[in-house]
Amino acid sequence: MNNIDKEYLRKLINDIEEAINIILEDTSKPFEMLIRSERSEVRYYIVVLVEALIALCYHIIRRKYGVKPMTPFQTFNVLVEKHLIKPDEFDDFVKLVRLRNLLVHRYWIVNDKLIYDNIKKNFSKVKSFLERVRHEFGI
């Protein structure tokens, strides 16, 4: 059952880290100084980050545990049960998925200032999870 594709995991981890770096670079200046294209880029890379995070988690639980979840939330729950995701990381990941859903499906109600303020808190829980995945799968 353990036919994890390490190259695929490595690519997804790199995509997530690149997205985080771009988001943090774009938000390194005051919100009022961001031009429209930078705000749009932040939105885009949040979607990229979340899509890659979901794909990473799906791959792990399908390939390592043989579980076929129906939603990202089920995926994250399984990884909490398997101790690969910590409960506080689960909460952050759920918030990220919900933000992604807003950006994709209800983009007109998104408040860029709120996104900016929350991003400024950093992505430490995502980074911690990625380190755990690297360690767990020898990447």
C-alpha atoms as a PDB file:
ATOM      1  CA  MET A   1       0.000   0.000   0.000  1.00  0.00           C
ATOM      2  CA  ASN A   2       2.961   2.331   0.637  1.00  0.00           C
ATOM      3  CA  ASN A   3       3.703   3.418  -2.941  1.00  0.00           C
ATOM      4  CA  ILE A   4       4.372   7.069  -2.177  1.00  0.00           C
ATOM      5  CA  ASP A   5       5.751   9.009  -5.126  1.00  0.00           C
ATOM      6  CA  LYS A   6       8.531  10.987  -3.458  1.00  0.00           C
ATOM      7  CA  GLU A   7       9.185  13.104  -6.537  1.00  0.00           C
ATOM      8  CA  TYR A   8       5.527  14.125  -6.619  1.00  0.00           C
ATOM      9  CA  LEU A   9       5.640  15.015  -2.916  1.00  0.00           C
ATOM     10  CA  ARG A  10       8.852  16.965  -3.476  1.00  0.00           C
ATOM     11  CA  LYS A  11       7.239  18.932  -6.320  1.00  0.00           C
ATOM     12  CA  LEU A  12       4.159  19.755  -4.250  1.00  0.00           C
ATOM     13  CA  ILE A  13       6.291  20.823  -1.287  1.00  0.00           C
ATOM     14  CA  ASN A  14       8.329  23.059  -3.588  1.00  0.00           C
ATOM     15  CA  ASP A  15       5.129  24.559  -5.030  1.00  0.00           C
ATOM     16  CA  ILE A  16       3.840  25.306  -1.526  1.00  0.00           C
ATOM     17  CA  GLU A  17       7.116  26.849  -0.409  1.00  0.00           C
ATOM     18  CA  GLU A  18       7.383  28.954  -3.554  1.00  0.00           C
ATOM     19  CA  ALA A  19       3.815  30.192  -3.080  1.00  0.00           C
ATOM     20  CA  ILE A  20       4.549  31.102   0.546  1.00  0.00           C
ATOM     21  CA  ASN A  21       7.697  32.971  -0.463  1.00  0.00           C
ATOM     22  CA  ILE A  22       5.896  34.954  -3.166  1.00  0.00           C
ATOM     23  CA  ILE A  23       3.003  35.793  -0.836  1.00  0.00           C
ATOM     24  CA  LEU A  24       5.369  36.927   1.922  1.00  0.00           C
ATOM     25  CA  GLU A  25       7.420  38.958  -0.558  1.00  0.00           C
ATOM     26  CA  ASP A  26       4.309  40.692  -1.897  1.00  0.00           C
ATOM     27  CA  THR A  27       3.053  41.446   1.599  1.00  0.00           C
ATOM     28  CA  SER A  28       6.386  42.688   2.904  1.00  0.00           C
ATOM     29  CA  LYS A  29       5.358  46.284   2.296  1.00  0.00           C
ATOM     30  CA  PRO A  30       2.455  48.212   3.793  1.00  0.00           C
ATOM     31  CA  PHE A  31      -0.959  47.233   2.439  1.00  0.00           C
ATOM     32  CA  GLU A  32      -1.558  50.718   1.086  1.00  0.00           C
ATOM     33  CA  MET A  33       1.543  50.355  -1.116  1.00  0.00           C
ATOM     34  CA  LEU A  34       0.341  47.164  -2.810  1.00  0.00           C
ATOM     35  CA  ILE A  35      -0.752  47.689  -6.385  1.00  0.00           C
ATOM     36  CA  ARG A  36      -3.684  45.761  -7.835  1.00  0.00           C
ATOM     37  CA  SER A  37      -1.469  43.175  -9.561  1.00  0.00           C
ATOM     38  CA  GLU A  38       0.289  42.379  -6.270  1.00  0.00           C
ATOM     39  CA  ARG A  39      -3.030  41.921  -4.464  1.00  0.00           C
ATOM     40  CA  SER A  40      -4.145  39.650  -7.313  1.00  0.00           C
ATOM     41  CA  GLU A  41      -0.888  37.732  -7.140  1.00  0.00           C
ATOM     42  CA  VAL A  42      -1.404  37.142  -3.409  1.00  0.00           C
ATOM     43  CA  ARG A  43      -4.870  35.761  -4.128  1.00  0.00           C
ATOM     44  CA  TYR A  44      -3.546  33.534  -6.898  1.00  0.00           C
ATOM     45  CA  TYR A  45      -0.723  32.104  -4.800  1.00  0.00           C
ATOM     46  CA  ILE A  46      -3.051  31.404  -1.888  1.00  0.00           C
ATOM     47  CA  VAL A  47      -5.053  29.245  -4.289  1.00  0.00           C
ATOM     48  CA  VAL A  48      -1.852  27.557  -5.524  1.00  0.00           C
ATOM     49  CA  LEU A  49      -0.671  26.930  -1.951  1.00  0.00           C
ATOM     50  CA  VAL A  50      -3.978  25.395  -0.884  1.00  0.00           C
ATOM     51  CA  GLU A  51      -4.383  23.272  -4.022  1.00  0.00           C
ATOM     52  CA  ALA A  52      -0.858  21.874  -3.586  1.00  0.00           C
ATOM     53  CA  LEU A  53      -1.458  21.265   0.140  1.00  0.00           C
ATOM     54  CA  ILE A  54      -4.669  19.357  -0.619  1.00  0.00           C
ATOM     55  CA  ALA A  55      -2.958  17.332  -3.370  1.00  0.00           C
ATOM     56  CA  LEU A  56      -0.086  16.504  -1.012  1.00  0.00           C
ATOM     57  CA  CYS A  57      -2.459  15.268   1.692  1.00  0.00           C
ATOM     58  CA  TYR A  58      -4.631  13.324  -0.764  1.00  0.00           C
ATOM     59  CA  HIS A  59      -1.582  11.581  -2.181  1.00  0.00           C
ATOM     60  CA  ILE A  60      -0.326  10.556   1.243  1.00  0.00           C
ATOM     61  CA  ILE A  61      -3.589   9.098   2.529  1.00  0.00           C
ATOM     62  CA  ARG A  62      -4.438   7.349  -0.723  1.00  0.00           C
ATOM     63  CA  ARG A  63      -1.000   5.866  -1.266  1.00  0.00           C
ATOM     64  CA  LYS A  64       0.063   5.168   2.324  1.00  0.00           C
ATOM     65  CA  TYR A  65      -3.245   4.368   4.009  1.00  0.00           C
ATOM     66  CA  GLY A  66      -5.500   3.334   1.129  1.00  0.00           C
ATOM     67  CA  VAL A  67      -8.163   5.836   2.184  1.00  0.00           C
ATOM     68  CA  LYS A  68     -10.182   7.659  -0.477  1.00  0.00           C
ATOM     69  CA  PRO A  69     -11.637  10.792   1.117  1.00  0.00           C
ATOM     70  CA  MET A  70     -14.396  12.847  -0.441  1.00  0.00           C
ATOM     71  CA  THR A  71     -13.275  16.274   0.823  1.00  0.00           C
ATOM     72  CA  PRO A  72     -10.105  18.054   1.889  1.00  0.00           C
ATOM     73  CA  PHE A  73     -11.500  18.189   5.431  1.00  0.00           C
ATOM     74  CA  GLN A  74     -11.811  14.392   5.543  1.00  0.00           C
ATOM     75  CA  THR A  75      -8.262  14.164   4.237  1.00  0.00           C
ATOM     76  CA  PHE A  76      -6.936  16.429   6.967  1.00  0.00           C
ATOM     77  CA  ASN A  77      -8.923  14.494   9.608  1.00  0.00           C
ATOM     78  CA  VAL A  78      -7.343  11.207   8.565  1.00  0.00           C
ATOM     79  CA  LEU A  79      -3.892  12.754   8.813  1.00  0.00           C
ATOM     80  CA  VAL A  80      -4.722  14.079  12.291  1.00  0.00           C
ATOM     81  CA  GLU A  81      -5.724  10.541  13.294  1.00  0.00           C
ATOM     82  CA  LYS A  82      -2.432   9.255  11.856  1.00  0.00           C
ATOM     83  CA  HIS A  83      -0.530  12.003  13.751  1.00  0.00           C
ATOM     84  CA  LEU A  84       0.904  13.588  10.620  1.00  0.00           C
ATOM     85  CA  ILE A  85      -1.160  16.766  11.094  1.00  0.00           C
ATOM     86  CA  LYS A  86      -1.444  18.351  14.527  1.00  0.00           C
ATOM     87  CA  PRO A  87      -4.881  19.554  15.689  1.00  0.00           C
ATOM     88  CA  ASP A  88      -3.867  23.241  15.562  1.00  0.00           C
ATOM     89  CA  GLU A  89      -2.517  22.735  12.029  1.00  0.00           C
ATOM     90  CA  PHE A  90      -5.835  21.129  11.093  1.00  0.00           C
ATOM     91  CA  ASP A  91      -7.636  24.309  12.154  1.00  0.00           C
ATOM     92  CA  ASP A  92      -5.322  26.477  10.037  1.00  0.00           C
ATOM     93  CA  PHE A  93      -5.617  24.179   7.027  1.00  0.00           C
ATOM     94  CA  VAL A  94      -9.423  24.281   7.224  1.00  0.00           C
ATOM     95  CA  LYS A  95      -9.274  28.094   7.290  1.00  0.00           C
ATOM     96  CA  LEU A  96      -6.970  28.102   4.279  1.00  0.00           C
ATOM     97  CA  VAL A  97      -9.327  25.836   2.316  1.00  0.00           C
ATOM     98  CA  ARG A  98     -12.273  28.064   3.194  1.00  0.00           C
ATOM     99  CA  LEU A  99     -10.313  31.122   2.075  1.00  0.00           C
ATOM    100  CA  ARG A 100      -9.449  29.356  -1.174  1.00  0.00           C
ATOM    101  CA  ASN A 101     -13.129  28.573  -1.670  1.00  0.00           C
ATOM    102  CA  LEU A 102     -14.004  32.241  -1.198  1.00  0.00           C
ATOM    103  CA  LEU A 103     -11.278  33.345  -3.593  1.00  0.00           C
ATOM    104  CA  VAL A 104     -12.428  30.929  -6.270  1.00  0.00           C
ATOM    105  CA  HIS A 105     -16.201  30.933  -5.854  1.00  0.00           C
ATOM    106  CA  ARG A 106     -17.063  34.240  -4.143  1.00  0.00           C
ATOM    107  CA  TYR A 107     -14.120  36.450  -5.027  1.00  0.00           C
ATOM    108  CA  TRP A 108     -16.237  39.608  -5.089  1.00  0.00           C
ATOM    109  CA  ILE A 109     -16.772  39.520  -1.304  1.00  0.00           C
ATOM    110  CA  VAL A 110     -13.117  38.996  -0.366  1.00  0.00           C
ATOM    111  CA  ASN A 111     -11.494  41.742   1.694  1.00  0.00           C
ATOM    112  CA  ASP A 112      -7.855  42.018   0.593  1.00  0.00           C
ATOM    113  CA  LYS A 113      -6.917  43.942   3.746  1.00  0.00           C
ATOM    114  CA  LEU A 114      -8.152  41.062   5.926  1.00  0.00           C
ATOM    115  CA  ILE A 115      -6.154  38.594   3.866  1.00  0.00           C
ATOM    116  CA  TYR A 116      -3.088  40.812   4.157  1.00  0.00           C
ATOM    117  CA  ASP A 117      -3.442  41.142   7.939  1.00  0.00           C
ATOM    118  CA  ASN A 118      -3.797  37.374   8.382  1.00  0.00           C
ATOM    119  CA  ILE A 119      -0.914  36.557   6.052  1.00  0.00           C
ATOM    120  CA  LYS A 120       1.348  38.798   8.072  1.00  0.00           C
ATOM    121  CA  LYS A 121       1.022  36.206  10.859  1.00  0.00           C
ATOM    122  CA  ASN A 122       3.055  33.849   8.590  1.00  0.00           C
ATOM    123  CA  PHE A 123       2.678  30.221   7.543  1.00  0.00           C
ATOM    124  CA  SER A 124       4.547  28.520  10.385  1.00  0.00           C
ATOM    125  CA  LYS A 125       2.042  25.674  10.746  1.00  0.00           C
ATOM    126  CA  VAL A 126       2.185  24.852   7.047  1.00  0.00           C
ATOM    127  CA  LYS A 127       5.985  24.934   7.173  1.00  0.00           C
ATOM    128  CA  SER A 128       6.026  22.702  10.252  1.00  0.00           C
ATOM    129  CA  PHE A 129       3.777  20.180   8.497  1.00  0.00           C
ATOM    130  CA  LEU A 130       6.022  20.194   5.416  1.00  0.00           C
ATOM    131  CA  GLU A 131       9.057  19.445   7.579  1.00  0.00           C
ATOM    132  CA  ARG A 132       7.198  16.541   9.169  1.00  0.00           C
ATOM    133  CA  VAL A 133       6.304  15.174   5.706  1.00  0.00           C
ATOM    134  CA  ARG A 134       9.931  15.483   4.606  1.00  0.00           C
ATOM    135  CA  HIS A 135      11.062  13.574   7.682  1.00  0.00           C
ATOM    136  CA  GLU A 136       8.309  10.928   7.469  1.00  0.00           C
ATOM    137  CA  PHE A 137       8.982  10.121   3.799  1.00  0.00           C
ATOM    138  CA  GLY A 138      12.728  10.813   3.587  1.00  0.00           C
ATOM    139  CA  ILE A 139      12.456  13.754   1.223  1.00  0.00           C
END
